[in-house]
Every structure is written in structure tokens, then in C-alpha cells.
Amino acid sequence: MILMQDIVRDGHPTLRKKTTEMTFPLSKEDLQLADDLLEYVRNSQDDEMVEKYNIRPGIGIAAPQVNEVKRMFALHLIDEDDNEISFVAVNPKIISHSVEQTYISAGEGCLSVDELIEGYVPRHARITTTGFYPDGTPFKKRLKGLTAIAFQHELDHLNGIMFYDHINQEDPYAQVPNSKPYDRP
């Protein structure tokens, strides 16, 4: 089980490494990592587990955040249509995206960043993605809203990019061109 002490923090060199494609079938260890990542985000949304294990809530976690330079992340959230989105993505890619951008008005957070970093993080409003589930089954998903934002945040981790790298350093709350803010309904 992943706990907060297993999550590397901002400044750790693994967070700035670009991961390489994983090969299938995944090893027993990599399958366990996939299970552990998904278990963390599920547990982190359960008030009892948060209290019992002192874990920080999150909707996504990437392998580099637990010091594994592997192209894998987990997402677990409820989307705008009240659907549960819960999966592990291996070798994920964005194959197309909207011109329209979005951002979370309150800003983004990260399990690897302990302090609040203010500012708008521009993201594509809609994306089409491909990748694989841990068992090797391919997927293609069209994502929007919070799910699209979270997918892009976690994909950035696989490329050594932190969310705050996208924030306008001179004016963190500068209007994002061609965008509408995402605010949870």
C-alpha cells in the first residue's frame, strides 16, 4: 500500500525524468505497481482511509511520484456526468485535442507538491487519448472536463513536467487565451 512517505516530493530528480515506453506483458512487479497506484487514489477519496493512514486526497498519481521511471499512471474520479472514471493507463498518449483551452479556477494541486502554488494551468478542454490497460488491452478515450485535465496533469508527470511549469510566471492569473474555466458543477 502506497502511503504519503512513499510519494517523492518536488525537487526529487525522478520527477523531472522522461519515462520510456513499457513493454507487454507487464512484469509481476509492474502489475503490482499498477494496482498500488489505483489503490492509492481510491483510498485517498475514502475519509476513513485518509484519517487512518494520514494520506492526502488525490484523483491521480503517476509512477514517477513513487520513484518509478515507468510510463504509467492511475486516475480515479467522478466526472461531470456522475460517471466513475477509474483506470490505470500504460504508455498513454494524446492523439488529438481541442483548440479550446480550460483551466481550474482554483488552480491545480499535486501529491508531490506540499505548498500551494497559485495560478491558472492551461489545459486542452477536450482530448482524444490512446494507451493500454495493465493487462495489455488497448484503449481509446475521448475525455473532457476534469477527466481531461487530470489525464494531462498525469501525462505531464511521465514527461518530467510539473503542473506549475505551465503557469504564467509574470502573471499567474493572466487570462488563458481561447479558454473557459472549468468549475465543477
N, C-alpha and C. Protein backbone atom coordinates (compact mmCIF):
# COMPACT_ATOMS: atom_id res chain seq x y z
N MET A 1 0.84 -1.19 0.00
CA MET A 1 0.00 0.00 0.00
C MET A 1 0.89 1.25 0.00
N ILE A 2 0.59 2.17 -0.92
CA ILE A 2 1.33 3.42 -1.00
C ILE A 2 0.84 4.37 0.08
N LEU A 3 1.78 4.96 0.81
CA LEU A 3 1.47 5.96 1.83
C LEU A 3 2.17 7.26 1.44
N MET A 4 1.88 8.33 2.17
CA MET A 4 2.47 9.63 1.83
C MET A 4 3.99 9.59 1.83
N GLN A 5 4.59 8.82 2.74
CA GLN A 5 6.06 8.77 2.79
C GLN A 5 6.66 8.07 1.56
N ASP A 6 5.83 7.38 0.79
CA ASP A 6 6.31 6.72 -0.43
C ASP A 6 6.29 7.65 -1.64
N ILE A 7 5.62 8.80 -1.49
CA ILE A 7 5.48 9.75 -2.60
C ILE A 7 6.64 10.74 -2.55
N VAL A 8 7.40 10.79 -3.65
CA VAL A 8 8.54 11.71 -3.70
C VAL A 8 8.03 13.13 -3.87
N ARG A 9 8.78 14.07 -3.31
CA ARG A 9 8.34 15.46 -3.30
C ARG A 9 9.10 16.30 -4.33
N ASP A 10 8.51 17.45 -4.60
CA ASP A 10 9.06 18.41 -5.53
C ASP A 10 10.55 18.60 -5.27
N GLY A 11 11.33 18.57 -6.33
CA GLY A 11 12.78 18.67 -6.20
C GLY A 11 13.47 17.33 -6.36
N HIS A 12 12.73 16.23 -6.18
CA HIS A 12 13.31 14.89 -6.35
C HIS A 12 13.61 14.69 -7.84
N PRO A 13 14.80 14.19 -8.18
CA PRO A 13 15.18 14.09 -9.61
C PRO A 13 14.26 13.21 -10.46
N THR A 14 13.64 12.20 -9.89
CA THR A 14 12.77 11.32 -10.68
C THR A 14 11.60 12.09 -11.27
N LEU A 15 11.14 13.14 -10.59
CA LEU A 15 10.00 13.91 -11.09
C LEU A 15 10.33 14.68 -12.37
N ARG A 16 11.59 14.82 -12.70
CA ARG A 16 11.98 15.56 -13.90
C ARG A 16 12.50 14.64 -15.01
N LYS A 17 12.38 13.33 -14.80
CA LYS A 17 12.83 12.39 -15.82
C LYS A 17 11.69 12.06 -16.78
N LYS A 18 12.04 11.90 -18.05
CA LYS A 18 11.06 11.46 -19.05
C LYS A 18 11.07 9.92 -19.01
N THR A 19 9.90 9.36 -18.86
CA THR A 19 9.80 7.90 -18.79
C THR A 19 9.85 7.31 -20.20
N THR A 20 10.18 6.02 -20.27
CA THR A 20 10.20 5.33 -21.56
C THR A 20 9.03 4.35 -21.63
N GLU A 21 8.66 3.99 -22.84
CA GLU A 21 7.54 3.07 -23.06
C GLU A 21 7.77 1.76 -22.32
N MET A 22 6.69 1.22 -21.79
CA MET A 22 6.75 -0.07 -21.12
C MET A 22 6.46 -1.18 -22.14
N THR A 23 6.96 -2.38 -21.89
CA THR A 23 6.70 -3.49 -22.80
C THR A 23 5.74 -4.48 -22.15
N PHE A 24 4.97 -5.13 -23.01
CA PHE A 24 3.98 -6.12 -22.56
C PHE A 24 4.46 -7.52 -22.89
N PRO A 25 4.08 -8.51 -22.11
CA PRO A 25 3.27 -8.36 -20.91
C PRO A 25 4.07 -7.67 -19.79
N LEU A 26 3.33 -6.94 -18.94
CA LEU A 26 3.99 -6.29 -17.82
C LEU A 26 4.50 -7.34 -16.84
N SER A 27 5.58 -7.01 -16.17
CA SER A 27 6.12 -7.92 -15.15
C SER A 27 5.16 -7.96 -13.96
N LYS A 28 5.36 -8.95 -13.11
CA LYS A 28 4.56 -9.08 -11.89
C LYS A 28 4.70 -7.81 -11.05
N GLU A 29 5.92 -7.26 -10.99
CA GLU A 29 6.18 -6.05 -10.21
C GLU A 29 5.44 -4.85 -10.80
N ASP A 30 5.42 -4.75 -12.13
CA ASP A 30 4.72 -3.63 -12.77
C ASP A 30 3.21 -3.75 -12.62
N LEU A 31 2.69 -4.96 -12.68
CA LEU A 31 1.25 -5.17 -12.43
C LEU A 31 0.90 -4.77 -11.00
N GLN A 32 1.79 -5.09 -10.06
CA GLN A 32 1.56 -4.71 -8.66
C GLN A 32 1.61 -3.20 -8.51
N LEU A 33 2.53 -2.55 -9.21
CA LEU A 33 2.62 -1.09 -9.17
C LEU A 33 1.31 -0.48 -9.69
N ALA A 34 0.78 -1.01 -10.77
CA ALA A 34 -0.49 -0.51 -11.32
C ALA A 34 -1.60 -0.63 -10.27
N ASP A 35 -1.69 -1.78 -9.62
CA ASP A 35 -2.70 -1.98 -8.57
C ASP A 35 -2.49 -1.00 -7.42
N ASP A 36 -1.23 -0.81 -7.03
CA ASP A 36 -0.93 0.08 -5.90
C ASP A 36 -1.28 1.53 -6.21
N LEU A 37 -1.01 1.98 -7.44
CA LEU A 37 -1.33 3.36 -7.82
C LEU A 37 -2.84 3.59 -7.77
N LEU A 38 -3.59 2.66 -8.33
CA LEU A 38 -5.05 2.81 -8.34
C LEU A 38 -5.60 2.71 -6.92
N GLU A 39 -5.04 1.81 -6.13
CA GLU A 39 -5.48 1.67 -4.75
C GLU A 39 -5.25 2.97 -3.98
N TYR A 40 -4.12 3.64 -4.23
CA TYR A 40 -3.85 4.89 -3.52
C TYR A 40 -4.93 5.92 -3.80
N VAL A 41 -5.24 6.18 -5.10
CA VAL A 41 -6.22 7.23 -5.38
C VAL A 41 -7.61 6.85 -4.89
N ARG A 42 -7.94 5.58 -4.92
CA ARG A 42 -9.24 5.16 -4.35
C ARG A 42 -9.26 5.39 -2.84
N ASN A 43 -8.22 4.93 -2.16
CA ASN A 43 -8.15 5.11 -0.71
C ASN A 43 -8.14 6.58 -0.33
N SER A 44 -7.49 7.41 -1.15
CA SER A 44 -7.34 8.82 -0.82
C SER A 44 -8.66 9.58 -0.90
N GLN A 45 -9.68 8.94 -1.44
CA GLN A 45 -11.01 9.56 -1.51
C GLN A 45 -11.98 8.97 -0.51
N ASP A 46 -11.46 8.12 0.37
CA ASP A 46 -12.25 7.49 1.42
C ASP A 46 -11.84 8.15 2.74
N ASP A 47 -12.76 8.89 3.33
CA ASP A 47 -12.45 9.66 4.54
C ASP A 47 -11.83 8.81 5.65
N GLU A 48 -12.33 7.60 5.83
CA GLU A 48 -11.77 6.72 6.88
C GLU A 48 -10.32 6.36 6.58
N MET A 49 -10.01 6.03 5.32
CA MET A 49 -8.64 5.68 4.94
C MET A 49 -7.71 6.89 5.07
N VAL A 50 -8.20 8.06 4.68
CA VAL A 50 -7.41 9.29 4.77
C VAL A 50 -7.00 9.53 6.22
N GLU A 51 -7.99 9.38 7.11
CA GLU A 51 -7.72 9.60 8.54
C GLU A 51 -6.81 8.51 9.11
N LYS A 52 -7.12 7.27 8.80
CA LYS A 52 -6.37 6.13 9.36
C LYS A 52 -4.91 6.14 8.94
N TYR A 53 -4.64 6.44 7.65
CA TYR A 53 -3.27 6.35 7.13
C TYR A 53 -2.62 7.71 6.88
N ASN A 54 -3.35 8.78 7.21
CA ASN A 54 -2.82 10.13 7.04
C ASN A 54 -2.34 10.36 5.60
N ILE A 55 -3.22 10.05 4.65
CA ILE A 55 -2.89 10.24 3.24
C ILE A 55 -3.63 11.45 2.68
N ARG A 56 -3.03 12.07 1.68
CA ARG A 56 -3.61 13.26 1.07
C ARG A 56 -4.53 12.84 -0.07
N PRO A 57 -5.73 13.43 -0.13
CA PRO A 57 -6.64 13.10 -1.22
C PRO A 57 -6.08 13.52 -2.58
N GLY A 58 -6.39 12.70 -3.59
CA GLY A 58 -5.97 12.99 -4.95
C GLY A 58 -6.85 12.22 -5.92
N ILE A 59 -6.83 12.63 -7.18
CA ILE A 59 -7.61 11.93 -8.21
C ILE A 59 -6.70 11.22 -9.21
N GLY A 60 -5.40 11.45 -9.09
CA GLY A 60 -4.46 10.79 -9.98
C GLY A 60 -3.09 10.69 -9.34
N ILE A 61 -2.35 9.69 -9.78
CA ILE A 61 -0.97 9.52 -9.33
C ILE A 61 -0.20 8.80 -10.43
N ALA A 62 1.01 9.27 -10.68
CA ALA A 62 1.85 8.69 -11.73
C ALA A 62 3.02 7.93 -11.11
N ALA A 63 3.50 6.93 -11.82
CA ALA A 63 4.61 6.10 -11.33
C ALA A 63 5.81 6.93 -10.88
N PRO A 64 6.22 7.99 -11.61
CA PRO A 64 7.37 8.77 -11.12
C PRO A 64 7.17 9.36 -9.72
N GLN A 65 5.93 9.54 -9.32
CA GLN A 65 5.66 10.10 -7.99
C GLN A 65 5.99 9.12 -6.87
N VAL A 66 6.14 7.85 -7.22
CA VAL A 66 6.59 6.86 -6.23
C VAL A 66 7.98 6.35 -6.63
N ASN A 67 8.72 7.23 -7.31
CA ASN A 67 10.12 6.98 -7.67
C ASN A 67 10.31 5.81 -8.64
N GLU A 68 9.34 5.64 -9.53
CA GLU A 68 9.42 4.61 -10.57
C GLU A 68 9.39 5.30 -11.93
N VAL A 69 10.46 5.18 -12.70
CA VAL A 69 10.52 5.86 -14.01
C VAL A 69 9.83 4.95 -15.04
N LYS A 70 8.51 4.86 -14.89
CA LYS A 70 7.70 3.98 -15.74
C LYS A 70 6.54 4.79 -16.31
N ARG A 71 6.15 4.45 -17.53
CA ARG A 71 5.12 5.22 -18.24
C ARG A 71 3.73 4.68 -17.87
N MET A 72 3.30 5.05 -16.67
CA MET A 72 2.05 4.52 -16.12
C MET A 72 1.48 5.51 -15.11
N PHE A 73 0.17 5.68 -15.13
CA PHE A 73 -0.49 6.46 -14.08
C PHE A 73 -1.90 5.92 -13.83
N ALA A 74 -2.46 6.31 -12.69
CA ALA A 74 -3.82 5.91 -12.32
C ALA A 74 -4.68 7.14 -12.14
N LEU A 75 -5.94 7.04 -12.56
CA LEU A 75 -6.94 8.08 -12.32
C LEU A 75 -8.15 7.45 -11.65
N HIS A 76 -8.74 8.19 -10.72
CA HIS A 76 -9.97 7.74 -10.06
C HIS A 76 -10.75 8.99 -9.68
N LEU A 77 -11.89 9.21 -10.37
CA LEU A 77 -12.69 10.40 -10.10
C LEU A 77 -14.11 10.20 -10.60
N ILE A 78 -14.97 11.12 -10.23
CA ILE A 78 -16.34 11.16 -10.73
C ILE A 78 -16.39 12.31 -11.73
N ASP A 79 -16.84 12.04 -12.96
CA ASP A 79 -16.85 13.10 -13.98
C ASP A 79 -18.12 13.96 -13.88
N GLU A 80 -18.25 14.91 -14.80
CA GLU A 80 -19.36 15.86 -14.81
C GLU A 80 -20.72 15.17 -14.96
N ASP A 81 -20.72 13.99 -15.55
CA ASP A 81 -21.97 13.25 -15.77
C ASP A 81 -22.21 12.21 -14.67
N ASP A 82 -21.47 12.33 -13.57
CA ASP A 82 -21.57 11.41 -12.42
C ASP A 82 -21.15 9.98 -12.75
N ASN A 83 -20.29 9.82 -13.75
CA ASN A 83 -19.72 8.50 -14.05
C ASN A 83 -18.42 8.34 -13.27
N GLU A 84 -18.22 7.14 -12.74
CA GLU A 84 -16.94 6.87 -12.09
C GLU A 84 -15.91 6.55 -13.16
N ILE A 85 -14.83 7.30 -13.15
CA ILE A 85 -13.70 7.07 -14.06
C ILE A 85 -12.59 6.49 -13.20
N SER A 86 -12.18 5.27 -13.47
CA SER A 86 -11.19 4.62 -12.62
C SER A 86 -10.40 3.64 -13.48
N PHE A 87 -9.14 3.99 -13.76
CA PHE A 87 -8.32 3.11 -14.59
C PHE A 87 -6.85 3.44 -14.42
N VAL A 88 -6.02 2.49 -14.85
CA VAL A 88 -4.58 2.69 -14.94
C VAL A 88 -4.25 2.76 -16.42
N ALA A 89 -3.50 3.79 -16.81
CA ALA A 89 -3.07 3.97 -18.19
C ALA A 89 -1.59 3.63 -18.30
N VAL A 90 -1.26 2.77 -19.26
CA VAL A 90 0.12 2.41 -19.55
C VAL A 90 0.44 2.91 -20.95
N ASN A 91 1.59 3.56 -21.09
CA ASN A 91 2.01 4.15 -22.38
C ASN A 91 0.93 5.07 -22.97
N PRO A 92 0.34 5.95 -22.16
CA PRO A 92 -0.73 6.81 -22.67
C PRO A 92 -0.20 7.89 -23.61
N LYS A 93 -1.07 8.30 -24.53
CA LYS A 93 -0.74 9.37 -25.49
C LYS A 93 -1.99 10.21 -25.71
N ILE A 94 -1.78 11.47 -26.07
CA ILE A 94 -2.87 12.30 -26.57
C ILE A 94 -2.69 12.33 -28.08
N ILE A 95 -3.71 11.86 -28.81
CA ILE A 95 -3.59 11.80 -30.27
C ILE A 95 -4.27 12.98 -30.95
N SER A 96 -5.18 13.66 -30.24
CA SER A 96 -5.75 14.90 -30.76
C SER A 96 -6.33 15.69 -29.59
N HIS A 97 -6.49 16.99 -29.80
CA HIS A 97 -7.01 17.84 -28.73
C HIS A 97 -7.75 19.02 -29.33
N SER A 98 -8.61 19.61 -28.52
CA SER A 98 -9.36 20.79 -28.94
C SER A 98 -8.44 22.00 -29.00
N VAL A 99 -8.85 22.97 -29.80
CA VAL A 99 -8.17 24.26 -29.81
C VAL A 99 -8.52 25.00 -28.52
N GLU A 100 -9.78 24.83 -28.10
CA GLU A 100 -10.23 25.48 -26.87
C GLU A 100 -9.45 24.96 -25.67
N GLN A 101 -9.12 25.88 -24.80
CA GLN A 101 -8.40 25.50 -23.59
C GLN A 101 -9.31 25.67 -22.38
N THR A 102 -8.85 25.16 -21.26
CA THR A 102 -9.56 25.30 -20.00
C THR A 102 -8.54 25.37 -18.88
N TYR A 103 -9.01 25.64 -17.69
CA TYR A 103 -8.15 25.65 -16.51
C TYR A 103 -9.07 25.59 -15.29
N ILE A 104 -8.54 25.11 -14.20
CA ILE A 104 -9.30 25.07 -12.95
C ILE A 104 -9.12 26.42 -12.26
N SER A 105 -10.21 27.12 -12.00
CA SER A 105 -10.14 28.47 -11.42
C SER A 105 -9.34 28.51 -10.12
N ALA A 106 -9.49 27.48 -9.31
CA ALA A 106 -8.78 27.44 -8.02
C ALA A 106 -7.34 26.97 -8.17
N GLY A 107 -6.94 26.59 -9.38
CA GLY A 107 -5.58 26.10 -9.61
C GLY A 107 -5.51 24.59 -9.43
N GLU A 108 -4.37 24.02 -9.77
CA GLU A 108 -4.15 22.58 -9.62
C GLU A 108 -3.28 22.32 -8.41
N GLY A 109 -3.39 21.12 -7.90
CA GLY A 109 -2.52 20.67 -6.83
C GLY A 109 -1.85 19.39 -7.26
N CYS A 110 -0.95 18.90 -6.42
CA CYS A 110 -0.20 17.70 -6.77
C CYS A 110 0.25 17.02 -5.49
N LEU A 111 0.16 15.70 -5.46
CA LEU A 111 0.59 14.94 -4.28
C LEU A 111 2.08 15.12 -4.00
N SER A 112 2.85 15.48 -5.02
CA SER A 112 4.29 15.67 -4.84
C SER A 112 4.67 17.11 -4.49
N VAL A 113 3.69 17.99 -4.44
CA VAL A 113 3.95 19.41 -4.13
C VAL A 113 3.21 19.75 -2.84
N ASP A 114 3.97 20.02 -1.80
CA ASP A 114 3.36 20.26 -0.49
C ASP A 114 2.78 21.66 -0.33
N GLU A 115 3.37 22.64 -1.02
CA GLU A 115 2.87 24.01 -0.85
C GLU A 115 1.85 24.36 -1.93
N LEU A 116 1.04 25.37 -1.62
CA LEU A 116 0.06 25.87 -2.58
C LEU A 116 0.79 26.72 -3.61
N ILE A 117 0.63 26.38 -4.89
CA ILE A 117 1.22 27.20 -5.96
C ILE A 117 0.04 27.75 -6.75
N GLU A 118 -0.11 29.06 -6.69
CA GLU A 118 -1.27 29.71 -7.30
C GLU A 118 -1.04 30.01 -8.77
N GLY A 119 -2.16 30.02 -9.49
CA GLY A 119 -2.12 30.40 -10.90
C GLY A 119 -2.92 29.44 -11.76
N TYR A 120 -3.26 29.91 -12.95
CA TYR A 120 -4.01 29.10 -13.90
C TYR A 120 -3.05 28.19 -14.66
N VAL A 121 -3.47 26.93 -14.81
CA VAL A 121 -2.69 25.94 -15.55
C VAL A 121 -3.48 25.64 -16.83
N PRO A 122 -3.05 26.20 -17.97
CA PRO A 122 -3.79 25.96 -19.21
C PRO A 122 -3.74 24.48 -19.62
N ARG A 123 -4.90 23.97 -19.98
CA ARG A 123 -5.04 22.58 -20.46
C ARG A 123 -5.98 22.59 -21.66
N HIS A 124 -5.88 21.55 -22.49
CA HIS A 124 -6.84 21.39 -23.58
C HIS A 124 -8.19 21.01 -22.96
N ALA A 125 -9.27 21.61 -23.46
CA ALA A 125 -10.60 21.35 -22.92
C ALA A 125 -11.06 19.92 -23.23
N ARG A 126 -10.70 19.42 -24.41
CA ARG A 126 -11.09 18.05 -24.80
C ARG A 126 -9.88 17.38 -25.44
N ILE A 127 -9.73 16.11 -25.15
CA ILE A 127 -8.61 15.34 -25.72
C ILE A 127 -9.09 13.96 -26.15
N THR A 128 -8.41 13.42 -27.13
CA THR A 128 -8.60 12.01 -27.50
C THR A 128 -7.29 11.31 -27.17
N THR A 129 -7.40 10.23 -26.43
CA THR A 129 -6.22 9.55 -25.90
C THR A 129 -6.19 8.08 -26.33
N THR A 130 -4.99 7.55 -26.34
CA THR A 130 -4.83 6.11 -26.51
C THR A 130 -3.85 5.63 -25.45
N GLY A 131 -3.82 4.35 -25.28
CA GLY A 131 -2.92 3.73 -24.32
C GLY A 131 -3.34 2.30 -24.11
N PHE A 132 -2.87 1.74 -23.02
CA PHE A 132 -3.17 0.35 -22.71
C PHE A 132 -3.54 0.23 -21.24
N TYR A 133 -4.41 -0.72 -20.95
CA TYR A 133 -4.65 -1.10 -19.57
C TYR A 133 -3.50 -2.04 -19.17
N PRO A 134 -3.28 -2.25 -17.89
CA PRO A 134 -2.15 -3.10 -17.47
C PRO A 134 -2.15 -4.51 -18.06
N ASP A 135 -3.33 -5.04 -18.41
CA ASP A 135 -3.37 -6.39 -18.99
C ASP A 135 -3.00 -6.40 -20.47
N GLY A 136 -2.69 -5.21 -21.02
CA GLY A 136 -2.29 -5.13 -22.43
C GLY A 136 -3.41 -4.76 -23.38
N THR A 137 -4.64 -4.68 -22.88
CA THR A 137 -5.76 -4.29 -23.72
C THR A 137 -5.63 -2.82 -24.10
N PRO A 138 -5.71 -2.50 -25.41
CA PRO A 138 -5.61 -1.09 -25.81
C PRO A 138 -6.90 -0.33 -25.51
N PHE A 139 -6.77 0.98 -25.32
CA PHE A 139 -7.95 1.82 -25.17
C PHE A 139 -7.81 3.08 -26.01
N LYS A 140 -8.95 3.65 -26.33
CA LYS A 140 -9.04 4.97 -26.95
C LYS A 140 -10.17 5.67 -26.23
N LYS A 141 -9.88 6.85 -25.66
CA LYS A 141 -10.88 7.57 -24.87
C LYS A 141 -10.96 9.02 -25.32
N ARG A 142 -12.18 9.52 -25.39
CA ARG A 142 -12.42 10.95 -25.60
C ARG A 142 -12.75 11.51 -24.23
N LEU A 143 -11.97 12.47 -23.79
CA LEU A 143 -12.13 13.00 -22.44
C LEU A 143 -12.38 14.50 -22.48
N LYS A 144 -13.11 14.97 -21.48
CA LYS A 144 -13.39 16.40 -21.36
C LYS A 144 -13.41 16.75 -19.87
N GLY A 145 -13.48 18.04 -19.59
CA GLY A 145 -13.63 18.49 -18.22
C GLY A 145 -12.51 18.03 -17.31
N LEU A 146 -12.88 17.71 -16.07
CA LEU A 146 -11.89 17.33 -15.07
C LEU A 146 -11.10 16.09 -15.47
N THR A 147 -11.74 15.15 -16.14
CA THR A 147 -11.03 13.93 -16.56
C THR A 147 -9.91 14.28 -17.55
N ALA A 148 -10.20 15.17 -18.49
CA ALA A 148 -9.18 15.60 -19.46
C ALA A 148 -8.05 16.35 -18.76
N ILE A 149 -8.40 17.21 -17.83
CA ILE A 149 -7.40 17.98 -17.09
C ILE A 149 -6.50 17.02 -16.30
N ALA A 150 -7.11 16.08 -15.59
CA ALA A 150 -6.34 15.13 -14.77
C ALA A 150 -5.44 14.25 -15.64
N PHE A 151 -5.95 13.80 -16.79
CA PHE A 151 -5.15 12.97 -17.70
C PHE A 151 -3.91 13.76 -18.14
N GLN A 152 -4.10 15.03 -18.50
CA GLN A 152 -2.97 15.84 -18.96
C GLN A 152 -1.97 16.09 -17.83
N HIS A 153 -2.47 16.30 -16.61
CA HIS A 153 -1.59 16.51 -15.45
C HIS A 153 -0.71 15.28 -15.23
N GLU A 154 -1.34 14.09 -15.25
CA GLU A 154 -0.58 12.86 -15.00
C GLU A 154 0.36 12.54 -16.17
N LEU A 155 -0.09 12.79 -17.39
CA LEU A 155 0.77 12.57 -18.56
C LEU A 155 2.01 13.46 -18.47
N ASP A 156 1.83 14.69 -18.01
CA ASP A 156 2.99 15.57 -17.79
C ASP A 156 4.02 14.92 -16.87
N HIS A 157 3.55 14.27 -15.80
CA HIS A 157 4.49 13.60 -14.89
C HIS A 157 5.36 12.58 -15.63
N LEU A 158 4.80 11.93 -16.64
CA LEU A 158 5.54 10.92 -17.39
C LEU A 158 6.59 11.55 -18.30
N ASN A 159 6.47 12.86 -18.49
CA ASN A 159 7.40 13.60 -19.33
C ASN A 159 8.29 14.56 -18.54
N GLY A 160 8.30 14.40 -17.22
CA GLY A 160 9.16 15.23 -16.38
C GLY A 160 8.68 16.66 -16.21
N ILE A 161 7.39 16.88 -16.43
CA ILE A 161 6.82 18.23 -16.35
C ILE A 161 5.93 18.33 -15.12
N MET A 162 6.08 19.43 -14.39
CA MET A 162 5.24 19.69 -13.22
C MET A 162 4.15 20.69 -13.63
N PHE A 163 2.99 20.64 -12.95
CA PHE A 163 1.87 21.50 -13.34
C PHE A 163 2.24 22.97 -13.34
N TYR A 164 3.08 23.39 -12.39
CA TYR A 164 3.40 24.81 -12.29
C TYR A 164 4.31 25.29 -13.42
N ASP A 165 4.88 24.36 -14.19
CA ASP A 165 5.67 24.77 -15.36
C ASP A 165 4.78 25.47 -16.39
N HIS A 166 3.48 25.22 -16.36
CA HIS A 166 2.53 25.81 -17.31
C HIS A 166 2.01 27.18 -16.87
N ILE A 167 2.23 27.55 -15.62
CA ILE A 167 1.68 28.81 -15.09
C ILE A 167 2.51 29.99 -15.61
N ASN A 168 1.81 31.03 -16.02
CA ASN A 168 2.45 32.27 -16.47
C ASN A 168 3.20 32.87 -15.27
N GLN A 169 4.52 32.89 -15.33
CA GLN A 169 5.33 33.32 -14.19
C GLN A 169 5.19 34.81 -13.89
N GLU A 170 4.97 35.63 -14.94
CA GLU A 170 4.82 37.07 -14.70
C GLU A 170 3.46 37.44 -14.16
N ASP A 171 2.42 36.71 -14.59
CA ASP A 171 1.06 36.99 -14.15
C ASP A 171 0.31 35.67 -14.02
N PRO A 172 0.41 35.02 -12.85
CA PRO A 172 -0.17 33.68 -12.67
C PRO A 172 -1.67 33.60 -12.97
N TYR A 173 -2.37 34.72 -12.83
CA TYR A 173 -3.81 34.72 -13.09
C TYR A 173 -4.17 35.44 -14.39
N ALA A 174 -3.21 35.52 -15.30
CA ALA A 174 -3.49 36.11 -16.62
C ALA A 174 -4.54 35.26 -17.33
N GLN A 175 -5.42 35.92 -18.04
CA GLN A 175 -6.45 35.21 -18.79
C GLN A 175 -5.78 34.22 -19.76
N VAL A 176 -6.26 32.99 -19.77
CA VAL A 176 -5.75 31.97 -20.69
C VAL A 176 -6.46 32.17 -22.03
N PRO A 177 -5.71 32.40 -23.11
CA PRO A 177 -6.34 32.65 -24.41
C PRO A 177 -7.23 31.47 -24.84
N ASN A 178 -8.33 31.84 -25.49
CA ASN A 178 -9.26 30.85 -26.07
C ASN A 178 -9.66 29.78 -25.05
N SER A 179 -10.11 30.25 -23.87
CA SER A 179 -10.43 29.28 -22.82
C SER A 179 -11.69 29.65 -22.06
N LYS A 180 -12.23 28.62 -21.42
CA LYS A 180 -13.30 28.79 -20.43
C LYS A 180 -12.80 28.08 -19.18
N PRO A 181 -13.01 28.68 -18.02
CA PRO A 181 -12.58 28.00 -16.79
C PRO A 181 -13.42 26.74 -16.55
N TYR A 182 -12.77 25.73 -16.01
CA TYR A 182 -13.51 24.55 -15.58
C TYR A 182 -13.83 24.73 -14.12
N ASP A 183 -15.12 24.72 -13.81
CA ASP A 183 -15.54 24.76 -12.42
C ASP A 183 -16.50 23.61 -12.23
N ARG A 184 -16.19 22.76 -11.27
CA ARG A 184 -17.01 21.57 -11.04
C ARG A 184 -18.48 21.99 -10.85
N PRO A 185 -19.40 21.34 -11.58
CA PRO A 185 -20.83 21.69 -11.45
C PRO A 185 -21.37 21.38 -10.07
